[in-house]
Amino acid sequence: MRKFKYLIAAVLLMFLSCSKDDNQIEETQETPETQGYNMLLIGNSFFRPYAEKLDEIAIDAGFVNHNSTTVFRGGENGNAINFWNDSSSSEHSLIKSTLDQGNVDYFGMTSGHNSDNPIEGFKAWIEYALQNNPDITIFISLAPFDFPNGDPNGTRPDWDTFAADNGFSSIQEMYDFYINEILHIEIVNQLRIEFPSTKIFTIPTGWATFNLYQMHLDNQLLDDITMTGPRATSIFTDAKGHQGDIVRETGGLIWLSSIYNVVLNTDTYKTIFNTNLHEIAKQIIDDHDPNYKQ
């Protein structure tokens, strides 16, 4: 298993309303159940689609004043440690200025990390965030592996070979190990020790990719979906494994449930697919380790 770890490392109001009587002003306030959060979301292309989808479906679900500041860069540049180390970049400055303003309820990051010091980037940003946002909640979105059919440059095999080479019977078994033994134990648990008064949880975003991938292989999807092709009709849009709309929609629902505690089998958001993405997302949430839920 140690070999696996190093291989992976090389490679997740107040409103004022006027009555008809101009002399009467009525104050109304959102209930806690409908009050949206002020969020700071930083990551890469395996994070961005879900941040953007959340902006849409949180409003659809009735969460008023949901607001997010989003900061994205491609690949490893979107990892927390690289945002932190690139201190002269505009993205670094934007993250800091957003946190400096205070009132950030949720700070979300992708799971990419430095294998030599896995918590380094997360720890630096959390320390900074707490200076002006003492009650902030932290989450890490668990990204899937990339290159489902292998890296065209030959540096990585396809998922089946990748899993077998590391002693696993499937890519799903390998991903489960990666989440539980590395992301949760070596990162989240250590961050919780560093910040015992701060809520830190994970969102199992990557399972949207793996579950839909497997459903396609098993002919269980109720839509005409290809494995790789146009975003509107495919699981993947390219060799890297970027997400098609069916994955984006499912992942967005996972975020909605994880952050806002929406019961997905009663949510009224209309996806553009016949496949029951609410049920797929709900099952992923139900299967997520409760110790790492919000």
Protein backbone atom coordinates (compact mmCIF):
# COMPACT_ATOMS: atom_id res chain seq x y z
CA MET A 1 0.00 0.00 0.00
CA ARG A 2 2.91 2.35 0.56
CA LYS A 3 3.72 2.03 -3.13
CA PHE A 4 0.19 3.14 -3.89
CA LYS A 5 0.45 6.22 -1.74
CA TYR A 6 3.55 7.50 -3.49
CA LEU A 7 2.10 6.74 -6.92
CA ILE A 8 -1.05 8.66 -6.13
CA ALA A 9 1.00 11.56 -4.88
CA ALA A 10 2.75 11.73 -8.23
CA VAL A 11 -0.27 11.69 -10.21
CA LEU A 12 -10.42 16.35 -4.76
CA LEU A 13 -31.70 39.09 6.02
CA MET A 14 -32.85 41.02 6.73
CA PHE A 15 -35.34 42.45 4.08
CA LEU A 16 -37.42 45.59 4.27
CA SER A 17 -40.79 45.40 2.53
CA CYS A 18 -43.36 48.14 2.20
CA SER A 19 -47.07 47.48 2.57
CA LYS A 20 -49.62 49.25 0.43
CA ASP A 21 -49.78 51.79 3.25
CA ASP A 22 -46.77 54.04 2.67
CA ASN A 23 -46.63 54.84 6.36
CA GLN A 24 -46.11 51.21 7.35
CA ILE A 25 -42.81 49.34 6.98
CA GLU A 26 -42.69 45.64 7.71
CA GLU A 27 -39.46 43.81 8.47
CA THR A 28 -39.05 40.21 7.43
CA GLN A 29 -36.14 37.86 8.02
CA GLU A 30 -35.16 34.60 6.39
CA THR A 31 -35.51 31.56 8.56
CA PRO A 32 -32.33 29.60 9.32
CA GLU A 33 -33.61 26.92 6.96
CA THR A 34 -33.54 29.26 3.96
CA GLN A 35 -30.64 31.57 4.75
CA GLY A 36 -27.85 31.08 2.23
CA TYR A 37 -24.17 31.09 3.07
CA ASN A 38 -21.33 33.37 2.11
CA MET A 39 -18.72 31.08 0.60
CA LEU A 40 -15.12 31.18 -0.63
CA LEU A 41 -14.36 28.37 -3.07
CA ILE A 42 -10.90 27.71 -4.51
CA GLY A 43 -9.82 24.89 -6.79
CA ASN A 44 -9.27 23.58 -10.31
CA SER A 45 -11.29 22.06 -13.15
CA PHE A 46 -12.23 19.04 -11.02
CA PHE A 47 -13.73 21.47 -8.48
CA ARG A 48 -15.03 24.42 -10.46
CA PRO A 49 -18.08 22.74 -12.11
CA TYR A 50 -19.61 21.92 -8.74
CA ALA A 51 -18.99 25.38 -7.29
CA GLU A 52 -20.73 26.86 -10.32
CA LYS A 53 -23.57 24.33 -10.19
CA LEU A 54 -24.12 25.04 -6.49
CA ASP A 55 -24.70 28.71 -7.27
CA GLU A 56 -27.57 27.63 -9.51
CA ILE A 57 -29.22 24.92 -7.49
CA ALA A 58 -28.89 26.56 -4.06
CA ILE A 59 -31.02 29.43 -5.34
CA ASP A 60 -33.42 26.96 -6.94
CA ALA A 61 -33.74 25.22 -3.56
CA GLY A 62 -34.79 28.51 -1.95
CA PHE A 63 -31.61 29.54 -0.15
CA VAL A 64 -31.68 33.33 -0.35
CA ASN A 65 -28.50 35.37 -0.22
CA HIS A 66 -26.37 32.39 -1.20
CA ASN A 67 -23.15 33.99 -2.39
CA SER A 68 -19.77 32.63 -3.44
CA THR A 69 -16.42 34.11 -4.31
CA THR A 70 -14.72 31.61 -6.62
CA VAL A 71 -11.03 31.40 -7.46
CA PHE A 72 -9.91 28.83 -10.01
CA ARG A 73 -6.68 27.74 -11.70
CA GLY A 74 -5.97 24.66 -13.78
CA GLY A 75 -4.39 21.42 -12.58
CA GLU A 76 -2.04 21.45 -9.62
CA ASN A 77 -2.07 25.25 -9.69
CA GLY A 78 -5.56 25.00 -8.21
CA ASN A 79 -4.38 23.10 -5.14
CA ALA A 80 -4.43 24.92 -1.80
CA ILE A 81 -0.65 24.72 -1.36
CA ASN A 82 0.04 26.31 -4.75
CA PHE A 83 -2.47 29.10 -4.20
CA TRP A 84 -0.66 29.77 -0.93
CA ASN A 85 2.88 29.61 -2.28
CA ASP A 86 2.15 31.87 -5.27
CA SER A 87 2.00 34.87 -2.98
CA SER A 88 2.51 37.40 -5.78
CA SER A 89 -0.42 36.11 -7.86
CA SER A 90 -3.73 37.90 -8.23
CA GLU A 91 -5.52 34.73 -7.10
CA HIS A 92 -3.58 34.64 -3.82
CA SER A 93 -4.45 38.29 -3.22
CA LEU A 94 -8.13 37.72 -3.99
CA ILE A 95 -8.38 34.81 -1.56
CA LYS A 96 -6.74 36.84 1.19
CA SER A 97 -8.80 39.97 0.56
CA THR A 98 -12.00 37.93 0.66
CA LEU A 99 -11.01 36.42 3.99
CA ASP A 100 -9.88 39.81 5.30
CA GLN A 101 -13.42 41.15 4.87
CA GLY A 102 -14.75 38.59 7.35
CA ASN A 103 -18.22 37.04 7.31
CA VAL A 104 -17.13 34.02 5.26
CA ASP A 105 -19.27 31.09 6.40
CA TYR A 106 -17.73 28.30 4.30
CA PHE A 107 -14.26 27.94 2.80
CA GLY A 108 -14.01 25.08 0.30
CA MET A 109 -10.86 23.66 -1.32
CA THR A 110 -10.05 20.78 -3.62
CA SER A 111 -8.27 17.70 -2.28
CA GLY A 112 -5.03 18.03 -4.27
CA HIS A 113 -2.01 18.24 -1.99
CA ASN A 114 1.74 17.98 -1.58
CA SER A 115 2.64 14.37 -0.70
CA ASP A 116 5.65 15.42 1.40
CA ASN A 117 3.46 17.52 3.73
CA PRO A 118 -0.18 16.75 2.91
CA ILE A 119 -1.78 19.34 5.22
CA GLU A 120 0.61 22.19 4.44
CA GLY A 121 -1.55 24.27 2.10
CA PHE A 122 -4.82 23.59 3.92
CA LYS A 123 -3.27 24.49 7.28
CA ALA A 124 -1.86 27.77 5.99
CA TRP A 125 -5.18 28.90 4.54
CA ILE A 126 -7.20 27.83 7.57
CA GLU A 127 -4.85 29.71 9.91
CA TYR A 128 -5.26 32.81 7.77
CA ALA A 129 -9.03 32.40 7.46
CA LEU A 130 -9.55 32.14 11.21
CA GLN A 131 -8.02 35.56 11.86
CA ASN A 132 -11.15 37.37 10.64
CA ASN A 133 -13.60 34.46 10.37
CA PRO A 134 -13.43 32.62 13.70
CA ASP A 135 -16.61 30.62 13.05
CA ILE A 136 -15.75 29.55 9.50
CA THR A 137 -16.52 26.01 8.33
CA ILE A 138 -13.97 24.23 6.12
CA PHE A 139 -14.68 21.58 3.52
CA ILE A 140 -12.54 19.63 1.10
CA SER A 141 -14.07 18.33 -2.12
CA LEU A 142 -12.73 14.85 -2.88
CA ALA A 143 -11.68 14.84 -6.53
CA PRO A 144 -11.61 11.67 -8.67
CA PHE A 145 -8.54 10.24 -10.38
CA ASP A 146 -7.92 11.59 -13.85
CA PHE A 147 -7.11 9.88 -17.19
CA PRO A 148 -9.74 7.07 -17.19
CA ASN A 149 -8.26 5.64 -20.39
CA GLY A 150 -4.67 6.42 -19.49
CA ASP A 151 -2.44 9.40 -20.12
CA PRO A 152 -1.82 9.77 -23.88
CA ASN A 153 1.81 10.54 -23.01
CA GLY A 154 2.17 7.13 -21.41
CA THR A 155 2.83 8.29 -17.85
CA ARG A 156 -0.33 6.66 -16.47
CA PRO A 157 -2.23 3.51 -17.52
CA ASP A 158 -6.00 3.25 -17.80
CA TRP A 159 -8.01 2.96 -14.59
CA ASP A 160 -8.30 -0.84 -14.62
CA THR A 161 -4.55 -1.29 -15.08
CA PHE A 162 -3.79 1.48 -12.60
CA ALA A 163 -5.88 -0.30 -9.95
CA ALA A 164 -4.48 -3.78 -10.72
CA ASP A 165 -0.89 -2.51 -10.63
CA ASN A 166 -1.51 -1.30 -7.09
CA GLY A 167 -3.17 -4.47 -5.86
CA PHE A 168 -6.83 -3.48 -6.16
CA SER A 169 -9.63 -5.34 -7.92
CA SER A 170 -11.24 -2.16 -9.29
CA ILE A 171 -10.70 1.57 -9.60
CA GLN A 172 -13.55 2.05 -7.11
CA GLU A 173 -11.77 -0.08 -4.48
CA MET A 174 -8.59 1.90 -5.05
CA TYR A 175 -10.41 5.23 -4.77
CA ASP A 176 -12.11 4.12 -1.55
CA PHE A 177 -8.72 3.30 -0.07
CA TYR A 178 -7.31 6.64 -1.22
CA ILE A 179 -10.14 8.56 0.43
CA ASN A 180 -10.11 6.69 3.72
CA GLU A 181 -6.42 6.04 4.25
CA ILE A 182 -4.90 9.19 2.79
CA LEU A 183 -7.38 12.06 2.44
CA HIS A 184 -9.29 11.38 5.64
CA ILE A 185 -6.61 9.98 7.93
CA GLU A 186 -3.53 11.87 6.76
CA ILE A 187 -5.21 15.18 5.95
CA VAL A 188 -8.59 15.73 7.61
CA ASN A 189 -7.73 14.00 10.88
CA GLN A 190 -4.50 15.96 11.16
CA LEU A 191 -6.25 19.24 10.37
CA ARG A 192 -8.82 18.51 13.06
CA ILE A 193 -5.97 18.08 15.55
CA GLU A 194 -4.48 21.41 14.46
CA PHE A 195 -7.86 23.19 14.59
CA PRO A 196 -10.01 21.41 17.20
CA SER A 197 -12.63 24.18 17.35
CA THR A 198 -13.16 24.39 13.59
CA LYS A 199 -15.63 22.21 11.71
CA ILE A 200 -13.85 20.40 8.86
CA PHE A 201 -15.65 17.93 6.60
CA THR A 202 -15.38 16.38 3.15
CA ILE A 203 -17.70 16.18 0.17
CA PRO A 204 -17.56 12.85 -1.76
CA THR A 205 -17.70 14.58 -5.14
CA GLY A 206 -15.52 12.08 -6.98
CA TRP A 207 -18.02 9.27 -6.55
CA ALA A 208 -20.30 11.02 -9.05
CA THR A 209 -17.68 10.32 -11.69
CA PHE A 210 -16.99 6.72 -10.66
CA ASN A 211 -20.64 5.72 -10.14
CA LEU A 212 -21.83 7.15 -13.44
CA TYR A 213 -18.82 5.66 -15.21
CA GLN A 214 -19.75 2.22 -13.85
CA MET A 215 -23.44 2.67 -14.62
CA HIS A 216 -22.52 3.46 -18.21
CA LEU A 217 -20.43 0.28 -18.41
CA ASP A 218 -23.35 -1.70 -16.97
CA ASN A 219 -25.91 -0.09 -19.34
CA GLN A 220 -27.89 1.28 -16.40
CA LEU A 221 -28.24 4.88 -17.55
CA LEU A 222 -31.63 5.97 -18.88
CA ASP A 223 -30.07 8.50 -21.25
CA ASP A 224 -28.12 8.24 -24.49
CA ILE A 225 -24.70 8.90 -23.00
CA THR A 226 -21.28 8.16 -24.47
CA MET A 227 -18.18 7.57 -22.39
CA THR A 228 -16.20 10.44 -23.99
CA GLY A 229 -17.55 13.18 -26.21
CA PRO A 230 -19.59 16.40 -26.05
CA ARG A 231 -20.24 17.74 -22.58
CA ALA A 232 -24.03 17.52 -22.94
CA THR A 233 -24.07 13.80 -23.74
CA SER A 234 -20.95 12.21 -22.22
CA ILE A 235 -19.42 11.07 -18.96
CA PHE A 236 -16.06 12.61 -19.92
CA THR A 237 -15.27 15.44 -22.31
CA ASP A 238 -11.61 14.56 -22.93
CA ALA A 239 -8.78 12.16 -22.13
CA LYS A 240 -8.04 13.99 -18.88
CA GLY A 241 -11.47 12.97 -17.58
CA HIS A 242 -13.14 16.35 -17.30
CA GLN A 243 -16.78 16.05 -16.41
CA GLY A 244 -19.75 15.93 -18.74
CA ASP A 245 -23.04 17.52 -17.69
CA ILE A 246 -24.45 14.33 -16.19
CA VAL A 247 -21.49 14.20 -13.80
CA ARG A 248 -21.67 17.94 -13.09
CA GLU A 249 -25.36 17.77 -12.24
CA THR A 250 -24.88 14.79 -9.92
CA GLY A 251 -21.87 16.37 -8.22
CA GLY A 252 -23.77 19.62 -7.76
CA LEU A 253 -26.54 17.76 -5.96
CA ILE A 254 -23.94 16.10 -3.73
CA TRP A 255 -22.65 19.57 -2.81
CA LEU A 256 -26.16 20.86 -2.18
CA SER A 257 -26.92 18.01 0.22
CA SER A 258 -23.51 18.12 1.93
CA ILE A 259 -23.49 21.89 2.53
CA TYR A 260 -27.16 22.79 2.93
CA ASN A 261 -28.43 19.44 4.24
CA VAL A 262 -31.07 19.25 1.53
CA VAL A 263 -33.01 15.98 1.46
CA LEU A 264 -32.47 15.02 -2.15
CA ASN A 265 -35.48 12.76 -2.63
CA THR A 266 -37.70 15.76 -1.88
CA ASP A 267 -35.68 18.36 -3.78
CA THR A 268 -37.52 19.82 -6.79
CA TYR A 269 -34.55 20.83 -8.95
CA LYS A 270 -35.13 19.55 -12.49
CA THR A 271 -32.09 17.98 -14.10
CA ILE A 272 -31.94 17.60 -17.87
CA PHE A 273 -31.60 13.80 -17.65
CA ASN A 274 -33.98 10.85 -17.41
CA THR A 275 -31.59 9.01 -15.10
CA ASN A 276 -32.50 9.74 -11.48
CA LEU A 277 -29.48 11.80 -10.52
CA HIS A 278 -31.05 12.80 -7.21
CA GLU A 279 -31.13 9.15 -6.17
CA ILE A 280 -27.55 8.55 -7.30
CA ALA A 281 -26.34 11.60 -5.36
CA LYS A 282 -28.39 10.59 -2.30
CA GLN A 283 -26.84 7.12 -2.28
CA ILE A 284 -23.35 8.62 -2.48
CA ILE A 285 -24.14 10.88 0.48
CA ASP A 286 -25.64 7.97 2.43
CA ASP A 287 -22.52 5.88 1.82
CA HIS A 288 -20.11 8.64 2.88
CA ASP A 289 -18.44 8.02 6.23
CA PRO A 290 -20.56 9.94 8.80
CA ASN A 291 -17.38 10.94 10.66
CA TYR A 292 -16.50 13.14 7.70
CA LYS A 293 -19.91 14.64 7.01
CA GLN A 294 -20.77 18.12 8.18
